[in-house]
Structure formats: C-alpha cells, structure tokens
C-alpha cells in the first residue's frame, strides 16, 4: 500500500505541474515549494493547516500556544496557496512555508531542520511520511478539531495505510461523539471530545470586532443581505434574488477574487447600482450592491448583516457558517452541507436553511426578509448555539500544558 501511496503522491505532483501551465493557483503551488528556503531552528512548535479556513479554525490554539511557549519559534505550513498567500506574513509565526511534497526524504529534511517539540494539525490533512517521521523522532503529534465519518478511507477495507497514519497521532481532539466512536472501532483510543475550536474563534471575533466605516456608510442603516464565500452557482441565485428585494442592500464576497471572477460577477448585476469595494470612494446613494474584491474582510463584514448566505453548497461543500451565526443571524446555504456538523445543527435548530434551487432560495429568503420578528428569534438561537459550544481551546491547552 505504501508503494501505491508514493506513486499517488508523484502522480498528484505531475498533475498539478501540468495544470500550473495555465492555472495561477496551481502555479503558486509549484513555484512556492520550489523557491522556499527552510530556516534551521533549534526548537519550534509546528502548526499545519490545509488552507485559510483551517488556519482560522486552529487560530485560538495557535495564539494560546504562542503565548504559553515563548521560548519556541512558531512554524506554520499550508498545503494550499489560498492559505499561504493570505497568511504568509502573519505575526503569529516566525516562519510560514508551503508543506513540502509528502516524500520520506522531504519529511526527514523538513522536520530535522525546524526541530519541532510538538506538531499540531487542524481538522484534516493526513500525510504518511510526515506523520511517520514525527513518530520516528519522538515528536508528539496532536490532531485538533478532528471530525470523522463512516465513508472516509480510514474505515474502508482498503484503508490499512490510512489507519496506520491514525496510529501515528499522539492524541486526537475531536468535535463529536460519533467521531470518537469511529476511532474506537478502528482501535484508536487516544481521543478526547473537545468540540470545535472554530466556535472559540468566531466568538472571539464578535467580542473584538474590527469596525469598517466604509461598510457602515454603504449599509446606511438599511437592511443588509451578505453572501459570503460564493461561487458562480451561488452568485447566479443571489443575482436573481437581488431583483426581488429593491429595499435591501446586498454584499457579495466571492471565494475567488481574481479579476476575471470579479468581472464575471459584475456582469450579473445592474451596472448602475453595483460597485466594487476597491472603488467604494465613489459610493453614491443609488448604490445598493457591493462586491468585495479582496480577501480577509468577510469575518468582519458579518457584523453589519441581517441575513447571510454561505457559498459552496452547490460545489464541494459549504464554507464557514459559524462566522455569520456568531453575530446572530439566519444563515442560508446550498444542499451540500452533510460533512459539516455545525450546519446540520443549525438546520435542526431552524437557524440554518438549506436550499436546492432558485425557487427555494426566493421562498426562504423572502420569508426571512419580510418577517423581522421571526428573524430576531432566529438570530437569538444562532448566537446562543455558538456561545454554548465555546471552550475547545481550553480543553486542548490543558492537555498539552500537562505534558510539555
């Protein structure tokens, strides 16, 4: 199985290299790994994140560890360019790198160079050679905010190598009871149910909000609908919704902000009432639609919203619903949310609403936008749900501090 894994890693690199000839994201993935020089360190604490979302999810633990272990350098790695490019200059780390390709040689060289006293991975990302090298060098490996489902490869008859990866983890901090049971059934008992550190992150964000005067001026005390982390399939739905609610303001913050993506989104909306954030100095009273053409504002935008739509549900899966829910608002999203416990919880509480079509979006959004009393009750439920689930960071830090 390891031979097949190694072949798969090589094939993946080859495929990304081929795609990099015409896709910028793939080009960054290749070039970033080729050009980076990893600095020799005496000791470090290594945090790895798949992308930007996982960085924000693990950030409460990162901040707490940095404060509690000032004698160690913090090293961050990302798998994805979207995470690396957005946080390559974060003051929370002494060094930020792309995760090298998962080969035995790369793992040995990287870990020997940064000399971690512990490694902390968030939610996803299982790399055999890095896990094995940490184990060989007796470096504790913690997996935080983990969540497991029966359909994952770890629990399939052919998942022997992936189950071996699980056994290389020192301790799992998982989000829920079903995850713990699945690990137990696979012979993994070094597990604590800590909850999801994203709750800590989004709650902290509501307590120390960054004010955005330009957004306040755009809202101008009117009702505001924000669509965050959208993809083209979401944007077509929102464009149609906008035509039905002229009394509302709309903000769309797309997941990808390359110029061609922004131009495509602009073409869906009325020219006379739409503006890009980069041109917001030209804001006039007739502007009711704002497109965010940068990365990093979304978590602060939600404080101004009355209703949120979360993108991704017509593709691989929805993005972060908790950022919006923490500010106390109804959240709407597409049909692909089954991998996200918090989304399922919000739907069960009737604080989250899944839609499958334009007609369903029009109906759900119309009910919420026209009934302020119902919207207020839903907002209270969403905010309470987030507050009741904070505390994962404290659980994780208590365990780590007892052992380091």
Protein backbone atom coordinates (compact mmCIF):
# COMPACT_ATOMS: atom_id res chain seq x y z
CA UNK A 1 0.00 0.00 0.00
CA UNK A 2 2.87 2.39 0.73
CA UNK A 3 4.18 1.87 -2.80
CA UNK A 4 0.79 2.86 -4.21
CA UNK A 5 0.68 5.87 -1.88
CA UNK A 6 4.09 7.04 -3.09
CA UNK A 7 3.04 6.58 -6.71
CA UNK A 8 -0.12 8.58 -6.00
CA UNK A 9 1.90 11.44 -4.49
CA UNK A 10 4.13 11.55 -7.57
CA UNK A 11 1.15 11.47 -9.93
CA UNK A 12 -0.52 14.26 -7.97
CA UNK A 13 2.57 16.46 -8.28
CA UNK A 14 2.76 15.73 -12.01
CA UNK A 15 -0.89 16.65 -12.48
CA UNK A 16 -0.55 19.92 -10.56
CA UNK A 17 2.56 20.75 -12.58
CA UNK A 18 0.66 20.25 -15.83
CA UNK A 19 -2.26 22.36 -14.61
CA UNK A 20 0.19 25.08 -13.49
CA UNK A 21 0.92 25.83 -17.13
CA UNK A 22 -2.45 27.60 -17.36
CA UNK A 23 -3.87 27.93 -13.81
CA UNK A 24 -2.40 30.53 -11.45
CA UNK A 25 -3.32 28.71 -8.23
CA UNK A 26 -1.50 25.58 -9.37
CA UNK A 27 1.45 27.72 -10.49
CA UNK A 28 1.70 29.20 -6.99
CA UNK A 29 1.53 25.68 -5.51
CA UNK A 30 4.52 24.57 -7.60
CA UNK A 31 6.63 27.73 -7.51
CA UNK A 32 6.09 28.31 -3.80
CA UNK A 33 7.51 24.91 -2.94
CA UNK A 34 10.43 25.21 -5.35
CA UNK A 35 11.71 28.57 -4.18
CA UNK A 36 11.30 28.34 -0.40
CA UNK A 37 14.33 28.03 1.86
CA UNK A 38 13.53 26.45 5.22
CA UNK A 39 15.39 28.08 8.11
CA UNK A 40 17.34 25.92 10.58
CA UNK A 41 15.87 26.23 14.08
CA UNK A 42 16.96 24.96 17.50
CA UNK A 43 13.38 24.24 18.51
CA UNK A 44 9.94 25.06 17.24
CA UNK A 45 6.25 24.29 17.53
CA UNK A 46 4.84 23.30 14.17
CA UNK A 47 1.28 24.11 13.11
CA UNK A 48 -0.03 22.76 9.82
CA UNK A 49 -3.20 23.93 8.08
CA UNK A 50 -4.71 22.78 4.81
CA UNK A 51 -5.82 26.29 3.90
CA UNK A 52 -7.12 29.59 5.23
CA UNK A 53 -10.27 28.12 6.74
CA UNK A 54 -8.31 25.64 8.84
CA UNK A 55 -5.94 28.43 9.88
CA UNK A 56 -8.85 30.42 11.30
CA UNK A 57 -10.21 27.25 12.89
CA UNK A 58 -6.93 26.48 14.65
CA UNK A 59 -6.02 30.09 15.38
CA UNK A 60 -7.25 30.12 19.01
CA UNK A 61 -4.90 27.23 19.83
CA UNK A 62 -2.08 28.84 17.84
CA UNK A 63 -2.45 32.12 19.75
CA UNK A 64 -2.63 30.36 23.13
CA UNK A 65 0.41 28.15 22.41
CA UNK A 66 2.44 31.13 21.19
CA UNK A 67 1.66 32.97 24.44
CA UNK A 68 2.37 29.97 26.69
CA UNK A 69 5.59 28.79 24.98
CA UNK A 70 7.55 31.96 24.10
CA UNK A 71 10.84 30.04 24.17
CA UNK A 72 9.92 28.18 20.96
CA UNK A 73 9.61 29.54 17.45
CA UNK A 74 6.26 29.04 15.76
CA UNK A 75 6.40 27.45 12.30
CA UNK A 76 3.29 27.34 10.13
CA UNK A 77 2.82 25.29 6.96
CA UNK A 78 0.00 25.38 4.43
CA UNK A 79 -0.95 22.90 1.76
CA UNK A 80 -2.94 25.39 -0.30
CA UNK A 81 -1.82 28.66 -1.91
CA UNK A 82 -5.01 30.35 -0.70
CA UNK A 83 -3.89 29.81 2.88
CA UNK A 84 -0.23 30.55 2.31
CA UNK A 85 -0.72 33.71 0.27
CA UNK A 86 -3.21 35.16 2.77
CA UNK A 87 -1.15 34.44 5.89
CA UNK A 88 2.49 34.28 4.77
CA UNK A 89 3.25 37.44 6.75
CA UNK A 90 1.25 36.65 9.88
CA UNK A 91 2.88 37.97 13.08
CA UNK A 92 1.76 34.77 14.82
CA UNK A 93 4.65 32.81 13.28
CA UNK A 94 8.41 33.08 12.98
CA UNK A 95 8.23 31.28 9.63
CA UNK A 96 5.48 30.32 7.19
CA UNK A 97 6.06 27.70 4.49
CA UNK A 98 4.28 25.55 1.97
CA UNK A 99 4.17 21.96 3.18
CA UNK A 100 6.75 20.12 1.07
CA UNK A 101 5.54 17.21 -1.03
CA UNK A 102 4.99 14.18 1.20
CA UNK A 103 8.02 12.03 0.47
CA UNK A 104 10.24 10.27 3.00
CA UNK A 105 13.20 12.49 2.09
CA UNK A 106 11.25 15.74 2.28
CA UNK A 107 9.70 14.81 5.61
CA UNK A 108 13.03 13.86 7.17
CA UNK A 109 14.74 17.03 5.91
CA UNK A 110 11.94 19.41 6.91
CA UNK A 111 11.40 18.03 10.41
CA UNK A 112 15.12 17.81 11.14
CA UNK A 113 15.53 21.42 10.03
CA UNK A 114 12.75 23.01 12.09
CA UNK A 115 13.24 20.68 15.12
CA UNK A 116 9.68 20.75 16.47
CA UNK A 117 8.95 19.86 20.10
CA UNK A 118 5.36 19.20 19.05
CA UNK A 119 3.24 19.31 15.90
CA UNK A 120 -0.40 20.40 15.76
CA UNK A 121 -2.57 19.64 12.72
CA UNK A 122 -6.10 21.06 12.38
CA UNK A 123 -9.14 19.01 11.30
CA UNK A 124 -7.87 17.43 8.08
CA UNK A 125 -4.54 16.64 6.42
CA UNK A 126 -3.01 13.21 6.93
CA UNK A 127 0.43 12.74 5.35
CA UNK A 128 2.09 9.39 5.91
CA UNK A 129 5.76 10.36 5.65
CA UNK A 130 5.44 13.47 7.80
CA UNK A 131 3.48 11.56 10.43
CA UNK A 132 5.95 8.68 10.35
CA UNK A 133 8.98 10.97 10.63
CA UNK A 134 7.47 12.78 13.62
CA UNK A 135 6.90 9.39 15.22
CA UNK A 136 10.47 8.26 14.50
CA UNK A 137 11.85 11.45 16.03
CA UNK A 138 9.55 11.11 19.10
CA UNK A 139 7.77 14.39 18.39
CA UNK A 140 4.21 14.46 19.79
CA UNK A 141 1.57 14.99 17.09
CA UNK A 142 -1.82 16.43 18.03
CA UNK A 143 -4.87 16.49 15.75
CA UNK A 144 -7.33 19.21 16.83
CA UNK A 145 -10.96 19.79 15.80
CA UNK A 146 -10.96 16.43 14.09
CA UNK A 147 -14.17 15.04 12.67
CA UNK A 148 -14.68 11.59 11.17
CA UNK A 149 -17.40 9.99 9.06
CA UNK A 150 -18.03 6.34 8.15
CA UNK A 151 -17.40 6.97 4.45
CA UNK A 152 -13.80 8.09 4.94
CA UNK A 153 -10.97 5.91 3.70
CA UNK A 154 -9.75 5.19 7.27
CA UNK A 155 -12.77 2.96 7.81
CA UNK A 156 -12.79 1.12 4.48
CA UNK A 157 -11.40 -2.38 3.93
CA UNK A 158 -8.67 -0.91 1.72
CA UNK A 159 -7.75 1.83 4.21
CA UNK A 160 -4.96 -0.02 6.03
CA UNK A 161 -2.27 2.58 5.34
CA UNK A 162 -4.57 5.40 6.40
CA UNK A 163 -5.43 3.58 9.63
CA UNK A 164 -1.70 3.29 10.21
CA UNK A 165 -1.49 7.08 9.88
CA UNK A 166 -4.10 7.42 12.61
CA UNK A 167 -1.98 5.28 14.91
CA UNK A 168 0.93 7.69 14.47
CA UNK A 169 -1.06 10.53 16.08
CA UNK A 170 -0.24 11.11 19.75
CA UNK A 171 -3.69 12.44 20.68
CA UNK A 172 -6.92 13.29 18.88
CA UNK A 173 -9.18 16.16 19.93
CA UNK A 174 -12.42 15.54 18.06
CA UNK A 175 -15.58 17.55 17.57
CA UNK A 176 -18.22 15.00 18.49
CA UNK A 177 -19.15 11.61 19.97
CA UNK A 178 -19.61 9.79 16.60
CA UNK A 179 -16.02 10.67 15.68
CA UNK A 180 -14.75 9.18 18.93
CA UNK A 181 -16.77 6.01 18.36
CA UNK A 182 -15.45 5.58 14.82
CA UNK A 183 -11.88 5.91 16.06
CA UNK A 184 -12.54 3.46 18.89
CA UNK A 185 -13.94 0.94 16.40
CA UNK A 186 -10.69 1.29 14.45
CA UNK A 187 -8.66 0.58 17.59
CA UNK A 188 -7.79 4.22 18.33
CA UNK A 189 -8.47 5.12 21.97
CA UNK A 190 -6.23 8.16 22.49
CA UNK A 191 -9.16 10.51 21.93
CA UNK A 192 -10.76 13.45 23.73
CA UNK A 193 -14.05 15.07 22.71
CA UNK A 194 -13.07 18.73 22.87
CA UNK A 195 -15.50 20.30 20.43
CA UNK A 196 -14.57 22.59 17.56
CA UNK A 197 -12.09 25.43 18.07
CA UNK A 198 -13.92 27.41 15.38
CA UNK A 199 -16.55 28.28 17.98
CA UNK A 200 -13.83 29.92 20.10
CA UNK A 201 -12.50 31.77 17.06
CA UNK A 202 -15.80 33.14 15.81
CA UNK A 203 -16.98 34.08 19.29
CA UNK A 204 -13.73 35.97 19.94
CA UNK A 205 -14.28 37.75 16.62
CA UNK A 206 -17.66 39.06 17.82
CA UNK A 207 -16.09 40.35 21.03
CA UNK A 208 -13.33 42.32 19.30
CA UNK A 209 -14.82 43.38 16.01
CA UNK A 210 -12.92 45.47 13.53
CA UNK A 211 -15.09 48.38 12.51
CA UNK A 212 -15.42 49.06 8.79
CA UNK A 213 -16.65 52.65 8.32
CA UNK A 214 -16.98 52.21 4.56
CA UNK A 215 -19.33 49.26 5.05
CA UNK A 216 -21.35 51.18 7.62
CA UNK A 217 -21.69 54.02 5.13
CA UNK A 218 -22.81 51.61 2.42
CA UNK A 219 -25.38 49.97 4.72
CA UNK A 220 -26.64 53.40 5.83
CA UNK A 221 -28.98 51.90 8.43
CA UNK A 222 -30.80 49.80 5.84
CA UNK A 223 -31.32 46.04 5.87
CA UNK A 224 -28.30 44.14 4.55
CA UNK A 225 -28.01 40.68 2.99
CA UNK A 226 -24.45 39.31 2.79
CA UNK A 227 -23.45 36.40 0.57
CA UNK A 228 -20.05 35.13 1.70
CA UNK A 229 -17.53 32.77 0.09
CA UNK A 230 -19.65 32.45 -3.03
CA UNK A 231 -19.01 30.51 -6.22
CA UNK A 232 -20.61 31.15 -9.64
CA UNK A 233 -23.53 28.78 -8.93
CA UNK A 234 -24.34 30.75 -5.77
CA UNK A 235 -23.89 34.12 -7.47
CA UNK A 236 -26.47 33.38 -10.15
CA UNK A 237 -29.01 32.69 -7.42
CA UNK A 238 -28.15 35.84 -5.49
CA UNK A 239 -28.32 37.97 -8.65
CA UNK A 240 -31.89 36.83 -9.19
CA UNK A 241 -32.77 37.41 -5.53
CA UNK A 242 -31.48 40.99 -5.72
CA UNK A 243 -34.06 41.86 -8.37
CA UNK A 244 -36.87 40.88 -5.99
CA UNK A 245 -35.80 42.97 -3.00
CA UNK A 246 -35.04 46.54 -4.06
CA UNK A 247 -35.40 47.78 -0.49
CA UNK A 248 -32.41 45.74 0.74
CA UNK A 249 -28.68 46.27 0.36
CA UNK A 250 -26.56 43.33 -0.81
CA UNK A 251 -22.89 42.49 -0.35
CA UNK A 252 -21.30 39.60 -2.23
CA UNK A 253 -17.86 38.39 -1.07
CA UNK A 254 -16.76 35.74 -3.61
CA UNK A 255 -14.43 32.92 -2.64
CA UNK A 256 -12.11 33.72 -5.55
CA UNK A 257 -11.20 37.32 -6.29
CA UNK A 258 -9.15 37.06 -9.48
CA UNK A 259 -10.03 39.82 -11.93
CA UNK A 260 -11.88 37.56 -14.36
CA UNK A 261 -14.00 36.18 -11.49
CA UNK A 262 -14.92 39.67 -10.28
CA UNK A 263 -15.74 40.82 -13.79
CA UNK A 264 -17.96 37.80 -14.31
CA UNK A 265 -19.83 38.57 -11.10
CA UNK A 266 -20.17 42.26 -12.02
CA UNK A 267 -21.78 41.24 -15.30
CA UNK A 268 -24.62 39.52 -13.43
CA UNK A 269 -25.66 42.66 -11.54
CA UNK A 270 -27.14 46.01 -12.61
CA UNK A 271 -24.28 48.38 -13.54
CA UNK A 272 -25.98 51.48 -12.19
CA UNK A 273 -26.46 50.10 -8.66
CA UNK A 274 -23.32 47.94 -8.24
CA UNK A 275 -19.81 48.88 -7.14
CA UNK A 276 -16.59 47.07 -6.25
CA UNK A 277 -15.08 47.63 -2.82
CA UNK A 278 -11.87 48.92 -4.42
CA UNK A 279 -13.99 51.74 -5.90
CA UNK A 280 -16.03 52.45 -2.78
CA UNK A 281 -14.71 56.00 -2.59
CA UNK A 282 -17.13 56.61 -5.47
CA UNK A 283 -20.11 55.45 -3.38
CA UNK A 284 -23.36 57.24 -4.20
CA UNK A 285 -26.88 56.98 -2.84
CA UNK A 286 -28.12 54.81 -5.71
CA UNK A 287 -25.58 52.01 -4.99
CA UNK A 288 -27.29 49.02 -3.39
CA UNK A 289 -24.91 46.16 -4.35
CA UNK A 290 -21.30 45.88 -3.23
CA UNK A 291 -18.80 43.29 -4.43
CA UNK A 292 -15.83 42.59 -2.16
CA UNK A 293 -12.80 42.22 -4.44
CA UNK A 294 -10.23 41.32 -1.76
CA UNK A 295 -9.55 38.56 0.75
CA UNK A 296 -9.74 38.94 4.52
CA UNK A 297 -12.76 41.18 5.19
CA UNK A 298 -15.54 38.62 5.42
CA UNK A 299 -15.35 37.79 9.13
CA UNK A 300 -15.72 41.49 9.95
CA UNK A 301 -18.44 42.11 7.36
CA UNK A 302 -20.97 39.89 9.09
CA UNK A 303 -21.40 42.31 12.00
CA UNK A 304 -23.34 44.60 9.63
CA UNK A 305 -25.62 41.93 8.14
CA UNK A 306 -29.21 40.93 8.87
CA UNK A 307 -29.19 37.69 6.84
CA UNK A 308 -26.27 35.67 5.48
CA UNK A 309 -25.94 33.28 2.57
CA UNK A 310 -22.93 30.95 2.77
CA UNK A 311 -21.47 29.76 -0.54
CA UNK A 312 -20.08 26.43 -1.66
CA UNK A 313 -23.18 24.32 -1.17
CA UNK A 314 -23.58 23.66 -4.87
CA UNK A 315 -19.96 22.50 -5.18
CA UNK A 316 -17.62 20.60 -2.87
CA UNK A 317 -19.39 21.79 0.28
CA UNK A 318 -20.35 24.92 2.16
CA UNK A 319 -17.91 27.32 3.73
CA UNK A 320 -17.92 28.70 7.28
CA UNK A 321 -21.44 29.20 8.65
CA UNK A 322 -20.26 29.94 12.17
CA UNK A 323 -18.75 33.35 11.40
CA UNK A 324 -22.22 34.59 10.48
CA UNK A 325 -24.12 32.64 13.13
CA UNK A 326 -21.90 34.07 15.88
CA UNK A 327 -23.16 37.54 15.02
CA UNK A 328 -26.70 36.25 15.47
CA UNK A 329 -28.30 35.92 12.07
CA UNK A 330 -30.09 33.35 9.94
CA UNK A 331 -27.82 31.51 7.52
CA UNK A 332 -28.86 30.10 4.14
CA UNK A 333 -26.77 27.65 2.12
CA UNK A 334 -26.90 25.09 -0.66
CA UNK A 335 -27.58 21.35 -0.40
CA UNK A 336 -24.06 20.03 0.21
CA UNK A 337 -23.61 20.51 3.94
CA UNK A 338 -23.69 16.93 5.27
CA UNK A 339 -19.97 16.98 6.15
CA UNK A 340 -20.41 19.93 8.49
CA UNK A 341 -21.76 19.21 11.95
CA UNK A 342 -22.44 22.85 12.76
CA UNK A 343 -24.54 23.30 9.60
CA UNK A 344 -26.61 20.24 10.46
CA UNK A 345 -27.06 21.58 13.99
CA UNK A 346 -28.22 24.97 12.69
CA UNK A 347 -30.72 23.32 10.34
CA UNK A 348 -32.08 21.23 13.23
CA UNK A 349 -32.45 24.40 15.33
CA UNK A 350 -34.16 26.12 12.38
CA UNK A 351 -31.48 28.80 12.46
CA UNK A 352 -29.96 27.50 9.23
CA UNK A 353 -31.76 26.85 5.95
CA UNK A 354 -30.63 24.62 3.09
CA UNK A 355 -31.92 25.37 -0.40
CA UNK A 356 -31.73 23.37 -3.63
CA UNK A 357 -32.93 25.83 -6.23
CA UNK A 358 -33.70 29.43 -7.11
CA UNK A 359 -37.32 28.90 -6.12
CA UNK A 360 -36.38 27.61 -2.68
CA UNK A 361 -33.95 30.49 -2.12
CA UNK A 362 -36.60 33.01 -3.12
CA UNK A 363 -39.09 31.44 -0.70
CA UNK A 364 -36.76 31.10 2.29
CA UNK A 365 -35.09 34.48 1.83
CA UNK A 366 -38.45 36.14 1.24
CA UNK A 367 -39.87 34.81 4.49
CA UNK A 368 -36.82 35.92 6.45
CA UNK A 369 -36.55 39.32 4.80
CA UNK A 370 -40.22 40.14 5.30
CA UNK A 371 -40.66 38.93 8.89
CA UNK A 372 -38.48 40.89 11.29
CA UNK A 373 -39.94 39.20 14.39
CA UNK A 374 -39.08 35.73 13.11
CA UNK A 375 -35.64 36.93 12.04
CA UNK A 376 -34.95 38.28 15.52
CA UNK A 377 -35.89 34.96 17.15
CA UNK A 378 -33.67 33.02 14.77
CA UNK A 379 -30.81 35.42 15.46
CA UNK A 380 -31.02 34.73 19.18
CA UNK A 381 -30.96 30.96 18.58
CA UNK A 382 -27.91 31.18 16.31
CA UNK A 383 -25.94 33.32 18.74
CA UNK A 384 -26.85 31.10 21.69
CA UNK A 385 -25.80 27.99 19.78
CA UNK A 386 -22.33 29.41 19.17
CA UNK A 387 -21.92 30.59 22.78
CA UNK A 388 -22.92 27.18 24.17
CA UNK A 389 -20.19 25.46 22.16
CA UNK A 390 -17.12 27.53 23.02
CA UNK A 391 -14.34 26.03 25.16
CA UNK A 392 -12.46 23.59 22.92
CA UNK A 393 -9.25 25.63 23.10
CA UNK A 394 -9.14 25.43 26.90
CA UNK A 395 -9.59 21.64 26.79
CA UNK A 396 -6.75 21.22 24.29
CA UNK A 397 -4.38 23.60 26.07
CA UNK A 398 -4.96 21.96 29.43
CA UNK A 399 -3.93 18.60 27.99
CA UNK A 400 -0.85 19.96 26.21
CA UNK A 401 0.37 22.00 29.19
CA UNK A 402 0.18 18.95 31.46
CA UNK A 403 2.64 17.18 29.14
CA UNK A 404 5.01 19.91 27.96
